[in-house]
Structure formats: C-alpha cells, structure tokens
Amino acid sequence: FQVEGDLSVPKSILLRQSGLDEGEQYGRETIRDAQRNIFNHHLFRFA
C-alpha cells in the first residue's frame, strides 16, 4: 500500500481505518468500502 499526501497519523492508523490488509484478496467493492471508511473519518477531507 502506497500513501500519497501529508499524513499526520501513522500509516498503520490509515490502513486500519481503511480495513485493508496485506494478503487480502482484491475486490472492487472492497476498494470502495475502504475508500468510504477513510472518507468517513473526521480527519480526512479527501481520499
């Protein structure tokens, strides 16, 4: 997982919020849910 943008929390916090894990099977709905999870966090304006 690569991160682009200024991040004020550890990368692990961002990945935990997304719900994505290394080794997890890809899915378009999985990507969509992860993006929604990040966007729902009060800290992130755009994801």
ModelCIF file with pLDDT and N, C-alpha, C, O atoms, coordinates in Angstrom:
data_MODEL
#
_entry.id   MODEL 
#
_entity.id                         1 
_entity.type                       polymer 
_entity.pdbx_number_of_molecules   1 
#
_entity_poly.entity_id                      1 
_entity_poly.type                           'polypeptide(L)' 
_entity_poly.nstd_linkage                   no 
_entity_poly.nstd_monomer                   no 
_entity_poly.pdbx_seq_one_letter_code       FQVEGDLSVPKSILLRQSGLDEGEQYGRETIRDAQRNIFNHHLFRFA 
_entity_poly.pdbx_seq_one_letter_code_can   FQVEGDLSVPKSILLRQSGLDEGEQYGRETIRDAQRNIFNHHLFRFA 
_entity_poly.pdbx_strand_id                 A 
#
loop_
_entity_poly_seq.entity_id 
_entity_poly_seq.num 
_entity_poly_seq.mon_id 
_entity_poly_seq.hetero 
1 1  PHE n 
1 2  GLN n 
1 3  VAL n 
1 4  GLU n 
1 5  GLY n 
1 6  ASP n 
1 7  LEU n 
1 8  SER n 
1 9  VAL n 
1 10 PRO n 
1 11 LYS n 
1 12 SER n 
1 13 ILE n 
1 14 LEU n 
1 15 LEU n 
1 16 ARG n 
1 17 GLN n 
1 18 SER n 
1 19 GLY n 
1 20 LEU n 
1 21 ASP n 
1 22 GLU n 
1 23 GLY n 
1 24 GLU n 
1 25 GLN n 
1 26 TYR n 
1 27 GLY n 
1 28 ARG n 
1 29 GLU n 
1 30 THR n 
1 31 ILE n 
1 32 ARG n 
1 33 ASP n 
1 34 ALA n 
1 35 GLN n 
1 36 ARG n 
1 37 ASN n 
1 38 ILE n 
1 39 PHE n 
1 40 ASN n 
1 41 HIS n 
1 42 HIS n 
1 43 LEU n 
1 44 PHE n 
1 45 ARG n 
1 46 PHE n 
1 47 ALA n 
#
_struct_asym.id          A 
_struct_asym.entity_id   1 
#
loop_
_ma_qa_metric.id 
_ma_qa_metric.mode 
_ma_qa_metric.name 
_ma_qa_metric.software_group_id 
_ma_qa_metric.type 
1 global pLDDT . pLDDT 
2 local  pLDDT . pLDDT 
#
_ma_qa_metric_global.metric_id      1 
_ma_qa_metric_global.metric_value   93.60 
_ma_qa_metric_global.model_id       1 
_ma_qa_metric_global.ordinal_id     1 
#
loop_
_ma_qa_metric_local.label_asym_id 
_ma_qa_metric_local.label_comp_id 
_ma_qa_metric_local.label_seq_id 
_ma_qa_metric_local.metric_id 
_ma_qa_metric_local.metric_value 
_ma_qa_metric_local.model_id 
_ma_qa_metric_local.ordinal_id 
A PHE 1  2 95.00 1 1  
A GLN 2  2 95.00 1 2  
A VAL 3  2 95.00 1 3  
A GLU 4  2 94.00 1 4  
A GLY 5  2 92.00 1 5  
A ASP 6  2 91.00 1 6  
A LEU 7  2 93.00 1 7  
A SER 8  2 93.00 1 8  
A VAL 9  2 94.00 1 9  
A PRO 10 2 94.00 1 10 
A LYS 11 2 94.00 1 11 
A SER 12 2 93.00 1 12 
A ILE 13 2 94.00 1 13 
A LEU 14 2 95.00 1 14 
A LEU 15 2 94.00 1 15 
A ARG 16 2 94.00 1 16 
A GLN 17 2 94.00 1 17 
A SER 18 2 94.00 1 18 
A GLY 19 2 92.00 1 19 
A LEU 20 2 93.00 1 20 
A ASP 21 2 93.00 1 21 
A GLU 22 2 93.00 1 22 
A GLY 23 2 94.00 1 23 
A GLU 24 2 95.00 1 24 
A GLN 25 2 96.00 1 25 
A TYR 26 2 96.00 1 26 
A GLY 27 2 95.00 1 27 
A ARG 28 2 94.00 1 28 
A GLU 29 2 94.00 1 29 
A THR 30 2 95.00 1 30 
A ILE 31 2 95.00 1 31 
A ARG 32 2 94.00 1 32 
A ASP 33 2 92.00 1 33 
A ALA 34 2 94.00 1 34 
A GLN 35 2 94.00 1 35 
A ARG 36 2 92.00 1 36 
A ASN 37 2 92.00 1 37 
A ILE 38 2 94.00 1 38 
A PHE 39 2 91.00 1 39 
A ASN 40 2 90.00 1 40 
A HIS 41 2 93.00 1 41 
A HIS 42 2 93.00 1 42 
A LEU 43 2 94.00 1 43 
A PHE 44 2 95.00 1 44 
A ARG 45 2 94.00 1 45 
A PHE 46 2 91.00 1 46 
A ALA 47 2 93.00 1 47 
#
loop_
_atom_site.group_PDB 
_atom_site.id 
_atom_site.type_symbol 
_atom_site.label_atom_id 
_atom_site.label_alt_id 
_atom_site.label_comp_id 
_atom_site.label_asym_id 
_atom_site.label_entity_id 
_atom_site.label_seq_id 
_atom_site.pdbx_PDB_ins_code 
_atom_site.Cartn_x 
_atom_site.Cartn_y 
_atom_site.Cartn_z 
_atom_site.occupancy 
_atom_site.B_iso_or_equiv 
_atom_site.pdbx_formal_charge 
_atom_site.auth_seq_id 
_atom_site.auth_comp_id 
_atom_site.auth_asym_id 
_atom_site.auth_atom_id 
_atom_site.pdbx_PDB_model_num 
ATOM 1   N N  . PHE A 1 1  ? 0.857   -1.187  0.000  1.00 95.00 ? 1  PHE A N  1 
ATOM 2   C CA . PHE A 1 1  ? 0.000   0.000   0.000  1.00 95.00 ? 1  PHE A CA 1 
ATOM 3   C C  . PHE A 1 1  ? 0.890   1.234   0.000  1.00 95.00 ? 1  PHE A C  1 
ATOM 4   O O  . PHE A 1 1  ? 1.714   1.414   0.897  1.00 95.00 ? 1  PHE A O  1 
ATOM 5   N N  . GLN A 1 2  ? 0.724   2.073   -0.997 1.00 95.00 ? 2  GLN A N  1 
ATOM 6   C CA . GLN A 1 2  ? 1.455   3.326   -1.080 1.00 95.00 ? 2  GLN A CA 1 
ATOM 7   C C  . GLN A 1 2  ? 0.535   4.469   -0.672 1.00 95.00 ? 2  GLN A C  1 
ATOM 8   O O  . GLN A 1 2  ? -0.655  4.455   -0.986 1.00 95.00 ? 2  GLN A O  1 
ATOM 9   N N  . VAL A 1 3  ? 1.085   5.461   0.028  1.00 95.00 ? 3  VAL A N  1 
ATOM 10  C CA . VAL A 1 3  ? 0.293   6.602   0.503  1.00 95.00 ? 3  VAL A CA 1 
ATOM 11  C C  . VAL A 1 3  ? 0.858   7.871   -0.115 1.00 95.00 ? 3  VAL A C  1 
ATOM 12  O O  . VAL A 1 3  ? 2.066   8.109   -0.083 1.00 95.00 ? 3  VAL A O  1 
ATOM 13  N N  . GLU A 1 4  ? -0.015  8.669   -0.668 1.00 94.00 ? 4  GLU A N  1 
ATOM 14  C CA . GLU A 1 4  ? 0.372   9.947   -1.265 1.00 94.00 ? 4  GLU A CA 1 
ATOM 15  C C  . GLU A 1 4  ? -0.406  11.054  -0.570 1.00 94.00 ? 4  GLU A C  1 
ATOM 16  O O  . GLU A 1 4  ? -1.634  10.999  -0.503 1.00 94.00 ? 4  GLU A O  1 
ATOM 17  N N  . GLY A 1 5  ? 0.297   12.062  -0.051 1.00 92.00 ? 5  GLY A N  1 
ATOM 18  C CA . GLY A 1 5  ? -0.339  13.152  0.678  1.00 92.00 ? 5  GLY A CA 1 
ATOM 19  C C  . GLY A 1 5  ? 0.282   13.300  2.057  1.00 92.00 ? 5  GLY A C  1 
ATOM 20  O O  . GLY A 1 5  ? 0.933   12.381  2.552  1.00 92.00 ? 5  GLY A O  1 
ATOM 21  N N  . ASP A 1 6  ? 0.079   14.460  2.676  1.00 91.00 ? 6  ASP A N  1 
ATOM 22  C CA . ASP A 1 6  ? 0.620   14.713  4.016  1.00 91.00 ? 6  ASP A CA 1 
ATOM 23  C C  . ASP A 1 6  ? -0.226  13.978  5.051  1.00 91.00 ? 6  ASP A C  1 
ATOM 24  O O  . ASP A 1 6  ? -1.424  14.231  5.177  1.00 91.00 ? 6  ASP A O  1 
ATOM 25  N N  . LEU A 1 7  ? 0.397   13.080  5.780  1.00 93.00 ? 7  LEU A N  1 
ATOM 26  C CA . LEU A 1 7  ? -0.297  12.243  6.748  1.00 93.00 ? 7  LEU A CA 1 
ATOM 27  C C  . LEU A 1 7  ? 0.207   12.571  8.146  1.00 93.00 ? 7  LEU A C  1 
ATOM 28  O O  . LEU A 1 7  ? 1.403   12.476  8.419  1.00 93.00 ? 7  LEU A O  1 
ATOM 29  N N  . SER A 1 8  ? -0.725  12.964  9.047  1.00 93.00 ? 8  SER A N  1 
ATOM 30  C CA . SER A 1 8  ? -0.332  13.357  10.405 1.00 93.00 ? 8  SER A CA 1 
ATOM 31  C C  . SER A 1 8  ? -0.488  12.231  11.413 1.00 93.00 ? 8  SER A C  1 
ATOM 32  O O  . SER A 1 8  ? -0.178  12.410  12.591 1.00 93.00 ? 8  SER A O  1 
ATOM 33  N N  . VAL A 1 9  ? -0.966  11.070  10.969 1.00 94.00 ? 9  VAL A N  1 
ATOM 34  C CA . VAL A 1 9  ? -1.071  9.895   11.838 1.00 94.00 ? 9  VAL A CA 1 
ATOM 35  C C  . VAL A 1 9  ? -0.208  8.791   11.244 1.00 94.00 ? 9  VAL A C  1 
ATOM 36  O O  . VAL A 1 9  ? 0.117   8.844   10.058 1.00 94.00 ? 9  VAL A O  1 
ATOM 37  N N  . PRO A 1 10 ? 0.168   7.802   12.029 1.00 94.00 ? 10 PRO A N  1 
ATOM 38  C CA . PRO A 1 10 ? 0.947   6.698   11.468 1.00 94.00 ? 10 PRO A CA 1 
ATOM 39  C C  . PRO A 1 10 ? 0.204   6.008   10.319 1.00 94.00 ? 10 PRO A C  1 
ATOM 40  O O  . PRO A 1 10 ? -1.026  5.967   10.298 1.00 94.00 ? 10 PRO A O  1 
ATOM 41  N N  . LYS A 1 11 ? 0.965   5.473   9.375  1.00 94.00 ? 11 LYS A N  1 
ATOM 42  C CA . LYS A 1 11 ? 0.366   4.777   8.237  1.00 94.00 ? 11 LYS A CA 1 
ATOM 43  C C  . LYS A 1 11 ? -0.516  3.622   8.696  1.00 94.00 ? 11 LYS A C  1 
ATOM 44  O O  . LYS A 1 11 ? -1.522  3.310   8.058  1.00 94.00 ? 11 LYS A O  1 
ATOM 45  N N  . SER A 1 12 ? -0.140  2.994   9.799  1.00 93.00 ? 12 SER A N  1 
ATOM 46  C CA . SER A 1 12 ? -0.935  1.873   10.320 1.00 93.00 ? 12 SER A CA 1 
ATOM 47  C C  . SER A 1 12 ? -2.339  2.319   10.719 1.00 93.00 ? 12 SER A C  1 
ATOM 48  O O  . SER A 1 12 ? -3.292  1.552   10.583 1.00 93.00 ? 12 SER A O  1 
ATOM 49  N N  . ILE A 1 13 ? -2.477  3.564   11.216 1.00 94.00 ? 13 ILE A N  1 
ATOM 50  C CA . ILE A 1 13 ? -3.796  4.088   11.585 1.00 94.00 ? 13 ILE A CA 1 
ATOM 51  C C  . ILE A 1 13 ? -4.652  4.243   10.334 1.00 94.00 ? 13 ILE A C  1 
ATOM 52  O O  . ILE A 1 13 ? -5.834  3.899   10.338 1.00 94.00 ? 13 ILE A O  1 
ATOM 53  N N  . LEU A 1 14 ? -4.046  4.769   9.251  1.00 95.00 ? 14 LEU A N  1 
ATOM 54  C CA . LEU A 1 14 ? -4.772  4.930   7.995  1.00 95.00 ? 14 LEU A CA 1 
ATOM 55  C C  . LEU A 1 14 ? -5.227  3.584   7.443  1.00 95.00 ? 14 LEU A C  1 
ATOM 56  O O  . LEU A 1 14 ? -6.377  3.440   7.027  1.00 95.00 ? 14 LEU A O  1 
ATOM 57  N N  . LEU A 1 15 ? -4.322  2.587   7.437  1.00 94.00 ? 15 LEU A N  1 
ATOM 58  C CA . LEU A 1 15 ? -4.680  1.268   6.905  1.00 94.00 ? 15 LEU A CA 1 
ATOM 59  C C  . LEU A 1 15 ? -5.731  0.596   7.784  1.00 94.00 ? 15 LEU A C  1 
ATOM 60  O O  . LEU A 1 15 ? -6.625  -0.085  7.281  1.00 94.00 ? 15 LEU A O  1 
ATOM 61  N N  . ARG A 1 16 ? -5.620  0.789   9.095  1.00 94.00 ? 16 ARG A N  1 
ATOM 62  C CA . ARG A 1 16 ? -6.636  0.223   9.985  1.00 94.00 ? 16 ARG A CA 1 
ATOM 63  C C  . ARG A 1 16 ? -8.003  0.825   9.700  1.00 94.00 ? 16 ARG A C  1 
ATOM 64  O O  . ARG A 1 16 ? -9.008  0.115   9.683  1.00 94.00 ? 16 ARG A O  1 
ATOM 65  N N  . GLN A 1 17 ? -8.041  2.142   9.475  1.00 94.00 ? 17 GLN A N  1 
ATOM 66  C CA . GLN A 1 17 ? -9.305  2.799   9.166  1.00 94.00 ? 17 GLN A CA 1 
ATOM 67  C C  . GLN A 1 17 ? -9.868  2.308   7.838  1.00 94.00 ? 17 GLN A C  1 
ATOM 68  O O  . GLN A 1 17 ? -11.083 2.184   7.689  1.00 94.00 ? 17 GLN A O  1 
ATOM 69  N N  . SER A 1 18 ? -8.991  2.027   6.870  1.00 94.00 ? 18 SER A N  1 
ATOM 70  C CA . SER A 1 18 ? -9.466  1.563   5.558  1.00 94.00 ? 18 SER A CA 1 
ATOM 71  C C  . SER A 1 18 ? -10.030 0.153   5.619  1.00 94.00 ? 18 SER A C  1 
ATOM 72  O O  . SER A 1 18 ? -10.927 -0.196  4.851  1.00 94.00 ? 18 SER A O  1 
ATOM 73  N N  . GLY A 1 19 ? -9.505  -0.660  6.536  1.00 92.00 ? 19 GLY A N  1 
ATOM 74  C CA . GLY A 1 19 ? -9.936  -2.051  6.613  1.00 92.00 ? 19 GLY A CA 1 
ATOM 75  C C  . GLY A 1 19 ? -9.180  -2.972  5.678  1.00 92.00 ? 19 GLY A C  1 
ATOM 76  O O  . GLY A 1 19 ? -9.510  -4.154  5.586  1.00 92.00 ? 19 GLY A O  1 
ATOM 77  N N  . LEU A 1 20 ? -8.171  -2.462  4.979  1.00 93.00 ? 20 LEU A N  1 
ATOM 78  C CA . LEU A 1 20 ? -7.388  -3.272  4.047  1.00 93.00 ? 20 LEU A CA 1 
ATOM 79  C C  . LEU A 1 20 ? -6.206  -3.914  4.763  1.00 93.00 ? 20 LEU A C  1 
ATOM 80  O O  . LEU A 1 20 ? -5.625  -3.329  5.677  1.00 93.00 ? 20 LEU A O  1 
ATOM 81  N N  . ASP A 1 21 ? -5.854  -5.139  4.330  1.00 93.00 ? 21 ASP A N  1 
ATOM 82  C CA . ASP A 1 21 ? -4.722  -5.856  4.905  1.00 93.00 ? 21 ASP A CA 1 
ATOM 83  C C  . ASP A 1 21 ? -3.878  -6.449  3.788  1.00 93.00 ? 21 ASP A C  1 
ATOM 84  O O  . ASP A 1 21 ? -4.395  -6.814  2.731  1.00 93.00 ? 21 ASP A O  1 
ATOM 85  N N  . GLU A 1 22 ? -2.589  -6.541  4.028  1.00 93.00 ? 22 GLU A N  1 
ATOM 86  C CA . GLU A 1 22 ? -1.726  -7.236  3.079  1.00 93.00 ? 22 GLU A CA 1 
ATOM 87  C C  . GLU A 1 22 ? -2.119  -8.717  3.031  1.00 93.00 ? 22 GLU A C  1 
ATOM 88  O O  . GLU A 1 22 ? -2.383  -9.344  4.057  1.00 93.00 ? 22 GLU A O  1 
ATOM 89  N N  . GLY A 1 23 ? -2.150  -9.252  1.810  1.00 94.00 ? 23 GLY A N  1 
ATOM 90  C CA . GLY A 1 23 ? -2.561  -10.644 1.624  1.00 94.00 ? 23 GLY A CA 1 
ATOM 91  C C  . GLY A 1 23 ? -4.047  -10.811 1.397  1.00 94.00 ? 23 GLY A C  1 
ATOM 92  O O  . GLY A 1 23 ? -4.508  -11.897 1.047  1.00 94.00 ? 23 GLY A O  1 
ATOM 93  N N  . GLU A 1 24 ? -4.814  -9.722  1.597  1.00 95.00 ? 24 GLU A N  1 
ATOM 94  C CA . GLU A 1 24 ? -6.263  -9.794  1.374  1.00 95.00 ? 24 GLU A CA 1 
ATOM 95  C C  . GLU A 1 24 ? -6.573  -9.851  -0.112 1.00 95.00 ? 24 GLU A C  1 
ATOM 96  O O  . GLU A 1 24 ? -5.908  -9.210  -0.926 1.00 95.00 ? 24 GLU A O  1 
ATOM 97  N N  . GLN A 1 25 ? -7.590  -10.625 -0.452 1.00 96.00 ? 25 GLN A N  1 
ATOM 98  C CA . GLN A 1 25 ? -7.987  -10.754 -1.853 1.00 96.00 ? 25 GLN A CA 1 
ATOM 99  C C  . GLN A 1 25 ? -8.594  -9.454  -2.360 1.00 96.00 ? 25 GLN A C  1 
ATOM 100 O O  . GLN A 1 25 ? -9.361  -8.794  -1.660 1.00 96.00 ? 25 GLN A O  1 
ATOM 101 N N  . TYR A 1 26 ? -8.234  -9.098  -3.594 1.00 96.00 ? 26 TYR A N  1 
ATOM 102 C CA . TYR A 1 26 ? -8.742  -7.867  -4.208 1.00 96.00 ? 26 TYR A CA 1 
ATOM 103 C C  . TYR A 1 26 ? -10.241 -7.992  -4.494 1.00 96.00 ? 26 TYR A C  1 
ATOM 104 O O  . TYR A 1 26 ? -10.749 -9.083  -4.751 1.00 96.00 ? 26 TYR A O  1 
ATOM 105 N N  . GLY A 1 27 ? -10.928 -6.861  -4.445 1.00 95.00 ? 27 GLY A N  1 
ATOM 106 C CA . GLY A 1 27 ? -12.328 -6.764  -4.869 1.00 95.00 ? 27 GLY A CA 1 
ATOM 107 C C  . GLY A 1 27 ? -12.671 -5.304  -5.092 1.00 95.00 ? 27 GLY A C  1 
ATOM 108 O O  . GLY A 1 27 ? -12.264 -4.444  -4.311 1.00 95.00 ? 27 GLY A O  1 
ATOM 109 N N  . ARG A 1 28 ? -13.413 -5.017  -6.143 1.00 94.00 ? 28 ARG A N  1 
ATOM 110 C CA . ARG A 1 28 ? -13.759 -3.614  -6.379 1.00 94.00 ? 28 ARG A CA 1 
ATOM 111 C C  . ARG A 1 28 ? -14.604 -3.072  -5.235 1.00 94.00 ? 28 ARG A C  1 
ATOM 112 O O  . ARG A 1 28 ? -14.429 -1.928  -4.818 1.00 94.00 ? 28 ARG A O  1 
ATOM 113 N N  . GLU A 1 29 ? -15.520 -3.892  -4.728 1.00 94.00 ? 29 GLU A N  1 
ATOM 114 C CA . GLU A 1 29 ? -16.341 -3.452  -3.602 1.00 94.00 ? 29 GLU A CA 1 
ATOM 115 C C  . GLU A 1 29 ? -15.481 -3.258  -2.353 1.00 94.00 ? 29 GLU A C  1 
ATOM 116 O O  . GLU A 1 29 ? -15.762 -2.384  -1.532 1.00 94.00 ? 29 GLU A O  1 
ATOM 117 N N  . THR A 1 30 ? -14.443 -4.067  -2.211 1.00 95.00 ? 30 THR A N  1 
ATOM 118 C CA . THR A 1 30 ? -13.516 -3.908  -1.094 1.00 95.00 ? 30 THR A CA 1 
ATOM 119 C C  . THR A 1 30 ? -12.819 -2.558  -1.160 1.00 95.00 ? 30 THR A C  1 
ATOM 120 O O  . THR A 1 30 ? -12.685 -1.868  -0.149 1.00 95.00 ? 30 THR A O  1 
ATOM 121 N N  . ILE A 1 31 ? -12.373 -2.184  -2.363 1.00 95.00 ? 31 ILE A N  1 
ATOM 122 C CA . ILE A 1 31 ? -11.744 -0.877  -2.559 1.00 95.00 ? 31 ILE A CA 1 
ATOM 123 C C  . ILE A 1 31 ? -12.724 0.240   -2.242 1.00 95.00 ? 31 ILE A C  1 
ATOM 124 O O  . ILE A 1 31 ? -12.370 1.222   -1.588 1.00 95.00 ? 31 ILE A O  1 
ATOM 125 N N  . ARG A 1 32 ? -13.959 0.087   -2.711 1.00 94.00 ? 32 ARG A N  1 
ATOM 126 C CA . ARG A 1 32 ? -14.960 1.123   -2.491 1.00 94.00 ? 32 ARG A CA 1 
ATOM 127 C C  . ARG A 1 32 ? -15.264 1.284   -1.001 1.00 94.00 ? 32 ARG A C  1 
ATOM 128 O O  . ARG A 1 32 ? -15.372 2.407   -0.510 1.00 94.00 ? 32 ARG A O  1 
ATOM 129 N N  . ASP A 1 33 ? -15.401 0.173   -0.285 1.00 92.00 ? 33 ASP A N  1 
ATOM 130 C CA . ASP A 1 33 ? -15.661 0.241   1.161  1.00 92.00 ? 33 ASP A CA 1 
ATOM 131 C C  . ASP A 1 33 ? -14.489 0.884   1.900  1.00 92.00 ? 33 ASP A C  1 
ATOM 132 O O  . ASP A 1 33 ? -14.687 1.675   2.823  1.00 92.00 ? 33 ASP A O  1 
ATOM 133 N N  . ALA A 1 34 ? -13.277 0.541   1.491  1.00 94.00 ? 34 ALA A N  1 
ATOM 134 C CA . ALA A 1 34 ? -12.099 1.109   2.143  1.00 94.00 ? 34 ALA A CA 1 
ATOM 135 C C  . ALA A 1 34 ? -12.030 2.613   1.937  1.00 94.00 ? 34 ALA A C  1 
ATOM 136 O O  . ALA A 1 34 ? -11.723 3.365   2.862  1.00 94.00 ? 34 ALA A O  1 
ATOM 137 N N  . GLN A 1 35 ? -12.317 3.039   0.724  1.00 94.00 ? 35 GLN A N  1 
ATOM 138 C CA . GLN A 1 35 ? -12.314 4.476   0.443  1.00 94.00 ? 35 GLN A CA 1 
ATOM 139 C C  . GLN A 1 35 ? -13.382 5.192   1.256  1.00 94.00 ? 35 GLN A C  1 
ATOM 140 O O  . GLN A 1 35 ? -13.147 6.283   1.774  1.00 94.00 ? 35 GLN A O  1 
ATOM 141 N N  . ARG A 1 36 ? -14.558 4.576   1.368  1.00 92.00 ? 36 ARG A N  1 
ATOM 142 C CA . ARG A 1 36 ? -15.639 5.175   2.155  1.00 92.00 ? 36 ARG A CA 1 
ATOM 143 C C  . ARG A 1 36 ? -15.265 5.233   3.634  1.00 92.00 ? 36 ARG A C  1 
ATOM 144 O O  . ARG A 1 36 ? -15.565 6.216   4.311  1.00 92.00 ? 36 ARG A O  1 
ATOM 145 N N  . ASN A 1 37 ? -14.608 4.185   4.138  1.00 92.00 ? 37 ASN A N  1 
ATOM 146 C CA . ASN A 1 37 ? -14.192 4.178   5.543  1.00 92.00 ? 37 ASN A CA 1 
ATOM 147 C C  . ASN A 1 37 ? -13.231 5.321   5.846  1.00 92.00 ? 37 ASN A C  1 
ATOM 148 O O  . ASN A 1 37 ? -13.352 5.980   6.879  1.00 92.00 ? 37 ASN A O  1 
ATOM 149 N N  . ILE A 1 38 ? -12.278 5.555   4.948  1.00 94.00 ? 38 ILE A N  1 
ATOM 150 C CA . ILE A 1 38 ? -11.324 6.647   5.163  1.00 94.00 ? 38 ILE A CA 1 
ATOM 151 C C  . ILE A 1 38 ? -12.027 7.993   5.100  1.00 94.00 ? 38 ILE A C  1 
ATOM 152 O O  . ILE A 1 38 ? -11.789 8.875   5.926  1.00 94.00 ? 38 ILE A O  1 
ATOM 153 N N  . PHE A 1 39 ? -12.891 8.135   4.114  1.00 91.00 ? 39 PHE A N  1 
ATOM 154 C CA . PHE A 1 39 ? -13.590 9.402   3.941  1.00 91.00 ? 39 PHE A CA 1 
ATOM 155 C C  . PHE A 1 39 ? -14.500 9.714   5.134  1.00 91.00 ? 39 PHE A C  1 
ATOM 156 O O  . PHE A 1 39 ? -14.708 10.881  5.465  1.00 91.00 ? 39 PHE A O  1 
ATOM 157 N N  . ASN A 1 40 ? -15.040 8.679   5.777  1.00 90.00 ? 40 ASN A N  1 
ATOM 158 C CA . ASN A 1 40 ? -15.922 8.885   6.931  1.00 90.00 ? 40 ASN A CA 1 
ATOM 159 C C  . ASN A 1 40 ? -15.161 9.300   8.185  1.00 90.00 ? 40 ASN A C  1 
ATOM 160 O O  . ASN A 1 40 ? -15.771 9.743   9.158  1.00 90.00 ? 40 ASN A O  1 
ATOM 161 N N  . HIS A 1 41 ? -13.839 9.161   8.174  1.00 93.00 ? 41 HIS A N  1 
ATOM 162 C CA . HIS A 1 41 ? -13.039 9.595   9.318  1.00 93.00 ? 41 HIS A CA 1 
ATOM 163 C C  . HIS A 1 41 ? -12.986 11.121  9.342  1.00 93.00 ? 41 HIS A C  1 
ATOM 164 O O  . HIS A 1 41 ? -12.804 11.755  8.302  1.00 93.00 ? 41 HIS A O  1 
ATOM 165 N N  . HIS A 1 42 ? -13.144 11.710  10.528 1.00 93.00 ? 42 HIS A N  1 
ATOM 166 C CA . HIS A 1 42 ? -13.222 13.165  10.646 1.00 93.00 ? 42 HIS A CA 1 
ATOM 167 C C  . HIS A 1 42 ? -11.936 13.875  10.238 1.00 93.00 ? 42 HIS A C  1 
ATOM 168 O O  . HIS A 1 42 ? -11.962 15.074  9.960  1.00 93.00 ? 42 HIS A O  1 
ATOM 169 N N  . LEU A 1 43 ? -10.809 13.159  10.198 1.00 94.00 ? 43 LEU A N  1 
ATOM 170 C CA . LEU A 1 43 ? -9.524  13.788  9.909  1.00 94.00 ? 43 LEU A CA 1 
ATOM 171 C C  . LEU A 1 43 ? -9.295  13.991  8.411  1.00 94.00 ? 43 LEU A C  1 
ATOM 172 O O  . LEU A 1 43 ? -8.564  14.897  8.010  1.00 94.00 ? 43 LEU A O  1 
ATOM 173 N N  . PHE A 1 44 ? -9.925  13.141  7.579  1.00 95.00 ? 44 PHE A N  1 
ATOM 174 C CA . PHE A 1 44 ? -9.594  13.128  6.162  1.00 95.00 ? 44 PHE A CA 1 
ATOM 175 C C  . PHE A 1 44 ? -10.657 13.849  5.334  1.00 95.00 ? 44 PHE A C  1 
ATOM 176 O O  . PHE A 1 44 ? -11.846 13.535  5.393  1.00 95.00 ? 44 PHE A O  1 
ATOM 177 N N  . ARG A 1 45 ? -10.188 14.816  4.569  1.00 94.00 ? 45 ARG A N  1 
ATOM 178 C CA . ARG A 1 45 ? -11.067 15.625  3.729  1.00 94.00 ? 45 ARG A CA 1 
ATOM 179 C C  . ARG A 1 45 ? -11.292 14.995  2.361  1.00 94.00 ? 45 ARG A C  1 
ATOM 180 O O  . ARG A 1 45 ? -12.338 15.189  1.742  1.00 94.00 ? 45 ARG A O  1 
ATOM 181 N N  . PHE A 1 46 ? -10.301 14.240  1.896  1.00 91.00 ? 46 PHE A N  1 
ATOM 182 C CA . PHE A 1 46 ? -10.353 13.665  0.551  1.00 91.00 ? 46 PHE A CA 1 
ATOM 183 C C  . PHE A 1 46 ? -9.615  12.339  0.584  1.00 91.00 ? 46 PHE A C  1 
ATOM 184 O O  . PHE A 1 46 ? -8.566  12.230  1.219  1.00 91.00 ? 46 PHE A O  1 
ATOM 185 N N  . ALA A 1 47 ? -10.151 11.322  -0.097 1.00 93.00 ? 47 ALA A N  1 
ATOM 186 C CA . ALA A 1 47 ? -9.494  10.020  -0.129 1.00 93.00 ? 47 ALA A CA 1 
ATOM 187 C C  . ALA A 1 47 ? -9.885  9.265   -1.390 1.00 93.00 ? 47 ALA A C  1 
ATOM 188 O O  . ALA A 1 47 ? -9.432  8.140   -1.602 1.00 93.00 ? 47 ALA A O  1 
#
